[in-house]
Amino acid sequence: MIHLRDILIATNGKLITGDENTQFKGISIDSRNIEEGCLFIPIIGERFDGHRFIEGALSSGAVGTLTSQKIDVNNNEEKCIIMV
């Protein structure tokens, strides 16, 4: 298990929504392969921006996500949104 507090320390991130005691079962950078309880990390590539897939990842079972862009948290208040 991966603790949210460890992610916050490692990324120097700020928790926007969610519970600091959350634990993640794994990490994924591919929203198509999200498993229940994972943390989604959106990667920015040459041809795509993973931030476009945050909403889908959260809907598919991700417990939280990192983001470097402002996102609408109204529908995801129970999820862990970490600004990095």
PDB file of N, CA and C in Angstrom:
ATOM      1  N   MET A   1       0.840  -1.183   0.000  1.00  0.00           N
ATOM      2  CA  MET A   1       0.000   0.000   0.000  1.00  0.00           C
ATOM      3  C   MET A   1       0.885   1.246   0.000  1.00  0.00           C
ATOM      4  N   ILE A   2       0.415   2.240  -0.676  1.00  0.00           N
ATOM      5  CA  ILE A   2       1.129   3.510  -0.776  1.00  0.00           C
ATOM      6  C   ILE A   2       0.318   4.558  -0.017  1.00  0.00           C
ATOM      7  N   HIS A   3       0.939   5.216   0.920  1.00  0.00           N
ATOM      8  CA  HIS A   3       0.242   6.202   1.751  1.00  0.00           C
ATOM      9  C   HIS A   3       0.251   7.576   1.074  1.00  0.00           C
ATOM     10  N   LEU A   4      -0.883   8.250   1.124  1.00  0.00           N
ATOM     11  CA  LEU A   4      -0.994   9.588   0.551  1.00  0.00           C
ATOM     12  C   LEU A   4       0.038  10.535   1.138  1.00  0.00           C
ATOM     13  N   ARG A   5       0.278  10.433   2.431  1.00  0.00           N
ATOM     14  CA  ARG A   5       1.269  11.322   3.063  1.00  0.00           C
ATOM     15  C   ARG A   5       2.630  11.178   2.396  1.00  0.00           C
ATOM     16  N   ASP A   6       2.994   9.961   2.003  1.00  0.00           N
ATOM     17  CA  ASP A   6       4.278   9.736   1.323  1.00  0.00           C
ATOM     18  C   ASP A   6       4.294  10.398  -0.055  1.00  0.00           C
ATOM     19  N   ILE A   7       3.167  10.340  -0.754  1.00  0.00           N
ATOM     20  CA  ILE A   7       3.058  10.989  -2.062  1.00  0.00           C
ATOM     21  C   ILE A   7       3.194  12.499  -1.904  1.00  0.00           C
ATOM     22  N   LEU A   8       2.545  13.060  -0.892  1.00  0.00           N
ATOM     23  CA  LEU A   8       2.631  14.505  -0.657  1.00  0.00           C
ATOM     24  C   LEU A   8       4.075  14.927  -0.375  1.00  0.00           C
ATOM     25  N   ILE A   9       4.774  14.146   0.416  1.00  0.00           N
ATOM     26  CA  ILE A   9       6.170  14.463   0.739  1.00  0.00           C
ATOM     27  C   ILE A   9       7.047  14.334  -0.509  1.00  0.00           C
ATOM     28  N   ALA A  10       6.882  13.243  -1.250  1.00  0.00           N
ATOM     29  CA  ALA A  10       7.728  12.977  -2.414  1.00  0.00           C
ATOM     30  C   ALA A  10       7.531  14.005  -3.528  1.00  0.00           C
ATOM     31  N   THR A  11       6.303  14.509  -3.670  1.00  0.00           N
ATOM     32  CA  THR A  11       6.008  15.439  -4.762  1.00  0.00           C
ATOM     33  C   THR A  11       5.993  16.891  -4.316  1.00  0.00           C
ATOM     34  N   ASN A  12       6.089  17.103  -3.005  1.00  0.00           N
ATOM     35  CA  ASN A  12       5.912  18.440  -2.438  1.00  0.00           C
ATOM     36  C   ASN A  12       4.550  18.997  -2.869  1.00  0.00           C
ATOM     37  N   GLY A  13       3.573  18.089  -2.946  1.00  0.00           N
ATOM     38  CA  GLY A  13       2.238  18.448  -3.399  1.00  0.00           C
ATOM     39  C   GLY A  13       1.362  18.997  -2.287  1.00  0.00           C
ATOM     40  N   LYS A  14       0.239  19.554  -2.712  1.00  0.00           N
ATOM     41  CA  LYS A  14      -0.747  20.109  -1.778  1.00  0.00           C
ATOM     42  C   LYS A  14      -2.057  19.351  -1.975  1.00  0.00           C
ATOM     43  N   LEU A  15      -2.604  18.835  -0.892  1.00  0.00           N
ATOM     44  CA  LEU A  15      -3.866  18.095  -0.952  1.00  0.00           C
ATOM     45  C   LEU A  15      -5.016  19.094  -1.113  1.00  0.00           C
ATOM     46  N   ILE A  16      -5.725  19.016  -2.225  1.00  0.00           N
ATOM     47  CA  ILE A  16      -6.850  19.908  -2.514  1.00  0.00           C
ATOM     48  C   ILE A  16      -8.135  19.338  -1.929  1.00  0.00           C
ATOM     49  N   THR A  17      -8.385  18.056  -2.166  1.00  0.00           N
ATOM     50  CA  THR A  17      -9.531  17.356  -1.576  1.00  0.00           C
ATOM     51  C   THR A  17      -9.080  15.958  -1.175  1.00  0.00           C
ATOM     52  N   GLY A  18      -9.826  15.364  -0.267  1.00  0.00           N
ATOM     53  CA  GLY A  18      -9.535  13.997   0.142  1.00  0.00           C
ATOM     54  C   GLY A  18      -8.986  13.912   1.550  1.00  0.00           C
ATOM     55  N   ASP A  19      -8.730  12.691   1.967  1.00  0.00           N
ATOM     56  CA  ASP A  19      -8.277  12.380   3.321  1.00  0.00           C
ATOM     57  C   ASP A  19      -6.798  12.047   3.306  1.00  0.00           C
ATOM     58  N   GLU A  20      -6.015  12.738   4.116  1.00  0.00           N
ATOM     59  CA  GLU A  20      -4.571  12.536   4.166  1.00  0.00           C
ATOM     60  C   GLU A  20      -4.188  11.117   4.603  1.00  0.00           C
ATOM     61  N   ASN A  21      -5.105  10.378   5.196  1.00  0.00           N
ATOM     62  CA  ASN A  21      -4.828   9.013   5.635  1.00  0.00           C
ATOM     63  C   ASN A  21      -5.123   7.966   4.559  1.00  0.00           C
ATOM     64  N   THR A  22      -5.475   8.395   3.365  1.00  0.00           N
ATOM     65  CA  THR A  22      -5.794   7.481   2.271  1.00  0.00           C
ATOM     66  C   THR A  22      -4.578   6.637   1.905  1.00  0.00           C
ATOM     67  N   GLN A  23      -4.858   5.391   1.544  1.00  0.00           N
ATOM     68  CA  GLN A  23      -3.831   4.489   1.039  1.00  0.00           C
ATOM     69  C   GLN A  23      -4.229   4.045  -0.362  1.00  0.00           C
ATOM     70  N   PHE A  24      -3.256   3.971  -1.249  1.00  0.00           N
ATOM     71  CA  PHE A  24      -3.489   3.549  -2.623  1.00  0.00           C
ATOM     72  C   PHE A  24      -2.988   2.125  -2.814  1.00  0.00           C
ATOM     73  N   LYS A  25      -3.734   1.353  -3.596  1.00  0.00           N
ATOM     74  CA  LYS A  25      -3.342  -0.029  -3.889  1.00  0.00           C
ATOM     75  C   LYS A  25      -2.275  -0.100  -4.969  1.00  0.00           C
ATOM     76  N   GLY A  26      -2.140   0.959  -5.736  1.00  0.00           N
ATOM     77  CA  GLY A  26      -1.160   0.988  -6.815  1.00  0.00           C
ATOM     78  C   GLY A  26      -1.176   2.338  -7.495  1.00  0.00           C
ATOM     79  N   ILE A  27      -0.362   2.458  -8.534  1.00  0.00           N
ATOM     80  CA  ILE A  27      -0.247   3.690  -9.299  1.00  0.00           C
ATOM     81  C   ILE A  27      -0.379   3.345 -10.773  1.00  0.00           C
ATOM     82  N   SER A  28      -1.053   4.233 -11.524  1.00  0.00           N
ATOM     83  CA  SER A  28      -1.191   4.020 -12.957  1.00  0.00           C
ATOM     84  C   SER A  28      -1.026   5.338 -13.697  1.00  0.00           C
ATOM     85  N   ILE A  29      -0.375   5.284 -14.862  1.00  0.00           N
ATOM     86  CA  ILE A  29      -0.278   6.447 -15.732  1.00  0.00           C
ATOM     87  C   ILE A  29      -1.183   6.277 -16.953  1.00  0.00           C
ATOM     88  N   ASP A  30      -1.902   5.161 -17.023  1.00  0.00           N
ATOM     89  CA  ASP A  30      -2.787   4.862 -18.150  1.00  0.00           C
ATOM     90  C   ASP A  30      -4.219   4.739 -17.635  1.00  0.00           C
ATOM     91  N   SER A  31      -5.049   5.709 -17.977  1.00  0.00           N
ATOM     92  CA  SER A  31      -6.430   5.716 -17.478  1.00  0.00           C
ATOM     93  C   SER A  31      -7.236   4.513 -17.966  1.00  0.00           C
ATOM     94  N   ARG A  32      -6.788   3.856 -19.019  1.00  0.00           N
ATOM     95  CA  ARG A  32      -7.497   2.677 -19.536  1.00  0.00           C
ATOM     96  C   ARG A  32      -7.255   1.450 -18.673  1.00  0.00           C
ATOM     97  N   ASN A  33      -6.217   1.495 -17.849  1.00  0.00           N
ATOM     98  CA  ASN A  33      -5.865   0.346 -17.014  1.00  0.00           C
ATOM     99  C   ASN A  33      -6.038   0.611 -15.522  1.00  0.00           C
ATOM    100  N   ILE A  34      -6.881   1.549 -15.184  1.00  0.00           N
ATOM    101  CA  ILE A  34      -7.095   1.892 -13.775  1.00  0.00           C
ATOM    102  C   ILE A  34      -7.769   0.729 -13.062  1.00  0.00           C
ATOM    103  N   GLU A  35      -7.257   0.427 -11.891  1.00  0.00           N
ATOM    104  CA  GLU A  35      -7.883  -0.561 -11.019  1.00  0.00           C
ATOM    105  C   GLU A  35      -8.418   0.167  -9.794  1.00  0.00           C
ATOM    106  N   GLU A  36      -9.433  -0.372  -9.189  1.00  0.00           N
ATOM    107  CA  GLU A  36     -10.050   0.214  -7.995  1.00  0.00           C
ATOM    108  C   GLU A  36      -8.984   0.481  -6.929  1.00  0.00           C
ATOM    109  N   GLY A  37      -8.953   1.702  -6.429  1.00  0.00           N
ATOM    110  CA  GLY A  37      -8.045   2.040  -5.336  1.00  0.00           C
ATOM    111  C   GLY A  37      -6.703   2.602  -5.755  1.00  0.00           C
ATOM    112  N   CYS A  38      -6.500   2.821  -7.049  1.00  0.00           N
ATOM    113  CA  CYS A  38      -5.210   3.314  -7.549  1.00  0.00           C
ATOM    114  C   CYS A  38      -5.110   4.838  -7.504  1.00  0.00           C
ATOM    115  N   LEU A  39      -3.880   5.315  -7.627  1.00  0.00           N
ATOM    116  CA  LEU A  39      -3.581   6.725  -7.822  1.00  0.00           C
ATOM    117  C   LEU A  39      -3.258   6.905  -9.301  1.00  0.00           C
ATOM    118  N   PHE A  40      -3.903   7.874  -9.943  1.00  0.00           N
ATOM    119  CA  PHE A  40      -3.649   8.164 -11.351  1.00  0.00           C
ATOM    120  C   PHE A  40      -2.645   9.307 -11.442  1.00  0.00           C
ATOM    121  N   ILE A  41      -1.621   9.107 -12.270  1.00  0.00           N
ATOM    122  CA  ILE A  41      -0.620  10.145 -12.503  1.00  0.00           C
ATOM    123  C   ILE A  41      -0.684  10.532 -13.976  1.00  0.00           C
ATOM    124  N   PRO A  42      -1.199  11.724 -14.273  1.00  0.00           N
ATOM    125  CA  PRO A  42      -1.299  12.154 -15.673  1.00  0.00           C
ATOM    126  C   PRO A  42       0.057  12.600 -16.211  1.00  0.00           C
ATOM    127  N   ILE A  43       0.478  11.985 -17.286  1.00  0.00           N
ATOM    128  CA  ILE A  43       1.751  12.286 -17.913  1.00  0.00           C
ATOM    129  C   ILE A  43       1.497  13.186 -19.126  1.00  0.00           C
ATOM    130  N   ILE A  44       2.345  14.180 -19.303  1.00  0.00           N
ATOM    131  CA  ILE A  44       2.243  15.052 -20.469  1.00  0.00           C
ATOM    132  C   ILE A  44       3.282  14.577 -21.479  1.00  0.00           C
ATOM    133  N   GLY A  45       2.788  14.157 -22.648  1.00  0.00           N
ATOM    134  CA  GLY A  45       3.669  13.669 -23.707  1.00  0.00           C
ATOM    135  C   GLY A  45       3.667  14.604 -24.893  1.00  0.00           C
ATOM    136  N   GLU A  46       4.327  14.192 -25.957  1.00  0.00           N
ATOM    137  CA  GLU A  46       4.386  15.004 -27.170  1.00  0.00           C
ATOM    138  C   GLU A  46       3.039  15.094 -27.870  1.00  0.00           C
ATOM    139  N   ARG A  47       2.247  14.018 -27.801  1.00  0.00           N
ATOM    140  CA  ARG A  47       0.982  13.969 -28.531  1.00  0.00           C
ATOM    141  C   ARG A  47      -0.257  13.980 -27.651  1.00  0.00           C
ATOM    142  N   PHE A  48      -0.091  13.977 -26.343  1.00  0.00           N
ATOM    143  CA  PHE A  48      -1.264  13.954 -25.470  1.00  0.00           C
ATOM    144  C   PHE A  48      -0.923  14.557 -24.118  1.00  0.00           C
ATOM    145  N   ASP A  49      -1.961  14.913 -23.410  1.00  0.00           N
ATOM    146  CA  ASP A  49      -1.826  15.434 -22.044  1.00  0.00           C
ATOM    147  C   ASP A  49      -2.712  14.576 -21.161  1.00  0.00           C
ATOM    148  N   GLY A  50      -2.105  13.835 -20.259  1.00  0.00           N
ATOM    149  CA  GLY A  50      -2.836  12.934 -19.380  1.00  0.00           C
ATOM    150  C   GLY A  50      -3.884  13.620 -18.522  1.00  0.00           C
ATOM    151  N   HIS A  51      -3.784  14.939 -18.375  1.00  0.00           N
ATOM    152  CA  HIS A  51      -4.783  15.666 -17.591  1.00  0.00           C
ATOM    153  C   HIS A  51      -6.179  15.527 -18.222  1.00  0.00           C
ATOM    154  N   ARG A  52      -6.236  15.296 -19.523  1.00  0.00           N
ATOM    155  CA  ARG A  52      -7.521  15.108 -20.211  1.00  0.00           C
ATOM    156  C   ARG A  52      -8.231  13.830 -19.746  1.00  0.00           C
ATOM    157  N   PHE A  53      -7.498  12.929 -19.119  1.00  0.00           N
ATOM    158  CA  PHE A  53      -8.054  11.633 -18.743  1.00  0.00           C
ATOM    159  C   PHE A  53      -8.312  11.495 -17.242  1.00  0.00           C
ATOM    160  N   ILE A  54      -8.099  12.566 -16.491  1.00  0.00           N
ATOM    161  CA  ILE A  54      -8.289  12.502 -15.034  1.00  0.00           C
ATOM    162  C   ILE A  54      -9.712  12.118 -14.667  1.00  0.00           C
ATOM    163  N   GLU A  55     -10.679  12.780 -15.248  1.00  0.00           N
ATOM    164  CA  GLU A  55     -12.084  12.515 -14.907  1.00  0.00           C
ATOM    165  C   GLU A  55     -12.440  11.056 -15.172  1.00  0.00           C
ATOM    166  N   GLY A  56     -11.995  10.519 -16.311  1.00  0.00           N
ATOM    167  CA  GLY A  56     -12.259   9.125 -16.641  1.00  0.00           C
ATOM    168  C   GLY A  56     -11.588   8.171 -15.670  1.00  0.00           C
ATOM    169  N   ALA A  57     -10.367   8.494 -15.275  1.00  0.00           N
ATOM    170  CA  ALA A  57      -9.641   7.640 -14.324  1.00  0.00           C
ATOM    171  C   ALA A  57     -10.352   7.616 -12.978  1.00  0.00           C
ATOM    172  N   LEU A  58     -10.807   8.776 -12.513  1.00  0.00           N
ATOM    173  CA  LEU A  58     -11.514   8.836 -11.231  1.00  0.00           C
ATOM    174  C   LEU A  58     -12.850   8.096 -11.312  1.00  0.00           C
ATOM    175  N   SER A  59     -13.516   8.198 -12.449  1.00  0.00           N
ATOM    176  CA  SER A  59     -14.785   7.485 -12.634  1.00  0.00           C
ATOM    177  C   SER A  59     -14.585   5.979 -12.717  1.00  0.00           C
ATOM    178  N   SER A  60     -13.397   5.553 -13.146  1.00  0.00           N
ATOM    179  CA  SER A  60     -13.111   4.130 -13.310  1.00  0.00           C
ATOM    180  C   SER A  60     -12.565   3.458 -12.059  1.00  0.00           C
ATOM    181  N   GLY A  61     -12.467   4.207 -10.964  1.00  0.00           N
ATOM    182  CA  GLY A  61     -12.046   3.588  -9.715  1.00  0.00           C
ATOM    183  C   GLY A  61     -10.815   4.158  -9.059  1.00  0.00           C
ATOM    184  N   ALA A  62     -10.121   5.091  -9.742  1.00  0.00           N
ATOM    185  CA  ALA A  62      -8.966   5.719  -9.095  1.00  0.00           C
ATOM    186  C   ALA A  62      -9.442   6.457  -7.849  1.00  0.00           C
ATOM    187  N   VAL A  63      -8.679   6.339  -6.779  1.00  0.00           N
ATOM    188  CA  VAL A  63      -9.019   7.000  -5.510  1.00  0.00           C
ATOM    189  C   VAL A  63      -8.497   8.427  -5.501  1.00  0.00           C
ATOM    190  N   GLY A  64      -7.515   8.699  -6.359  1.00  0.00           N
ATOM    191  CA  GLY A  64      -6.937  10.025  -6.391  1.00  0.00           C
ATOM    192  C   GLY A  64      -6.112  10.253  -7.628  1.00  0.00           C
ATOM    193  N   THR A  65      -5.646  11.490  -7.766  1.00  0.00           N
ATOM    194  CA  THR A  65      -4.830  11.863  -8.906  1.00  0.00           C
ATOM    195  C   THR A  65      -3.883  12.992  -8.536  1.00  0.00           C
ATOM    196  N   LEU A  66      -2.766  13.021  -9.225  1.00  0.00           N
ATOM    197  CA  LEU A  66      -1.902  14.189  -9.202  1.00  0.00           C
ATOM    198  C   LEU A  66      -2.373  15.106 -10.314  1.00  0.00           C
ATOM    199  N   THR A  67      -2.112  16.387 -10.196  1.00  0.00           N
ATOM    200  CA  THR A  67      -2.410  17.320 -11.264  1.00  0.00           C
ATOM    201  C   THR A  67      -1.519  18.541 -11.133  1.00  0.00           C
ATOM    202  N   SER A  68      -1.146  19.091 -12.270  1.00  0.00           N
ATOM    203  CA  SER A  68      -0.421  20.353 -12.270  1.00  0.00           C
ATOM    204  C   SER A  68      -1.307  21.456 -12.832  1.00  0.00           C
ATOM    205  N   GLN A  69      -2.552  21.081 -13.139  1.00  0.00           N
ATOM    206  CA  GLN A  69      -3.522  22.030 -13.681  1.00  0.00           C
ATOM    207  C   GLN A  69      -4.749  22.072 -12.782  1.00  0.00           C
ATOM    208  N   LYS A  70      -5.396  23.214 -12.763  1.00  0.00           N
ATOM    209  CA  LYS A  70      -6.619  23.346 -11.977  1.00  0.00           C
ATOM    210  C   LYS A  70      -7.699  22.463 -12.605  1.00  0.00           C
ATOM    211  N   ILE A  71      -8.369  21.669 -11.762  1.00  0.00           N
ATOM    212  CA  ILE A  71      -9.453  20.814 -12.250  1.00  0.00           C
ATOM    213  C   ILE A  71     -10.685  21.043 -11.389  1.00  0.00           C
ATOM    214  N   ASP A  72     -11.843  20.719 -11.947  1.00  0.00           N
ATOM    215  CA  ASP A  72     -13.103  20.851 -11.220  1.00  0.00           C
ATOM    216  C   ASP A  72     -13.188  19.757 -10.168  1.00  0.00           C
ATOM    217  N   VAL A  73     -13.238  20.141  -8.909  1.00  0.00           N
ATOM    218  CA  VAL A  73     -13.276  19.153  -7.829  1.00  0.00           C
ATOM    219  C   VAL A  73     -14.687  18.921  -7.308  1.00  0.00           C
ATOM    220  N   ASN A  74     -15.662  19.658  -7.804  1.00  0.00           N
ATOM    221  CA  ASN A  74     -17.029  19.545  -7.287  1.00  0.00           C
ATOM    222  C   ASN A  74     -17.590  18.140  -7.367  1.00  0.00           C
ATOM    223  N   ASN A  75     -17.294  17.412  -8.414  1.00  0.00           N
ATOM    224  CA  ASN A  75     -17.807  16.054  -8.573  1.00  0.00           C
ATOM    225  C   ASN A  75     -16.904  15.015  -7.910  1.00  0.00           C
ATOM    226  N   ASN A  76     -15.776  15.449  -7.383  1.00  0.00           N
ATOM    227  CA  ASN A  76     -14.788  14.505  -6.864  1.00  0.00           C
ATOM    228  C   ASN A  76     -14.309  14.870  -5.466  1.00  0.00           C
ATOM    229  N   GLU A  77     -15.174  15.424  -4.659  1.00  0.00           N
ATOM    230  CA  GLU A  77     -14.778  15.891  -3.330  1.00  0.00           C
ATOM    231  C   GLU A  77     -14.278  14.757  -2.439  1.00  0.00           C
ATOM    232  N   GLU A  78     -14.736  13.534  -2.677  1.00  0.00           N
ATOM    233  CA  GLU A  78     -14.296  12.406  -1.853  1.00  0.00           C
ATOM    234  C   GLU A  78     -12.995  11.799  -2.359  1.00  0.00           C
ATOM    235  N   LYS A  79     -12.545  12.193  -3.539  1.00  0.00           N
ATOM    236  CA  LYS A  79     -11.294  11.698  -4.122  1.00  0.00           C
ATOM    237  C   LYS A  79     -10.131  12.562  -3.636  1.00  0.00           C
ATOM    238  N   CYS A  80      -8.926  12.029  -3.732  1.00  0.00           N
ATOM    239  CA  CYS A  80      -7.722  12.767  -3.355  1.00  0.00           C
ATOM    240  C   CYS A  80      -7.175  13.465  -4.579  1.00  0.00           C
ATOM    241  N   ILE A  81      -7.253  14.784  -4.563  1.00  0.00           N
ATOM    242  CA  ILE A  81      -6.720  15.590  -5.643  1.00  0.00           C
ATOM    243  C   ILE A  81      -5.462  16.280  -5.091  1.00  0.00           C
ATOM    244  N   ILE A  82      -4.329  16.009  -5.715  1.00  0.00           N
ATOM    245  CA  ILE A  82      -3.045  16.515  -5.227  1.00  0.00           C
ATOM    246  C   ILE A  82      -2.464  17.461  -6.280  1.00  0.00           C
ATOM    247  N   MET A  83      -2.339  18.731  -5.919  1.00  0.00           N
ATOM    248  CA  MET A  83      -1.745  19.710  -6.821  1.00  0.00           C
ATOM    249  C   MET A  83      -0.234  19.654  -6.679  1.00  0.00           C
ATOM    250  N   VAL A  84       0.445  19.475  -7.827  1.00  0.00           N
ATOM    251  CA  VAL A  84       1.913  19.408  -7.820  1.00  0.00           C
ATOM    252  C   VAL A  84       2.487  20.472  -8.735  1.00  0.00           C
TER     253      VAL A  84
END
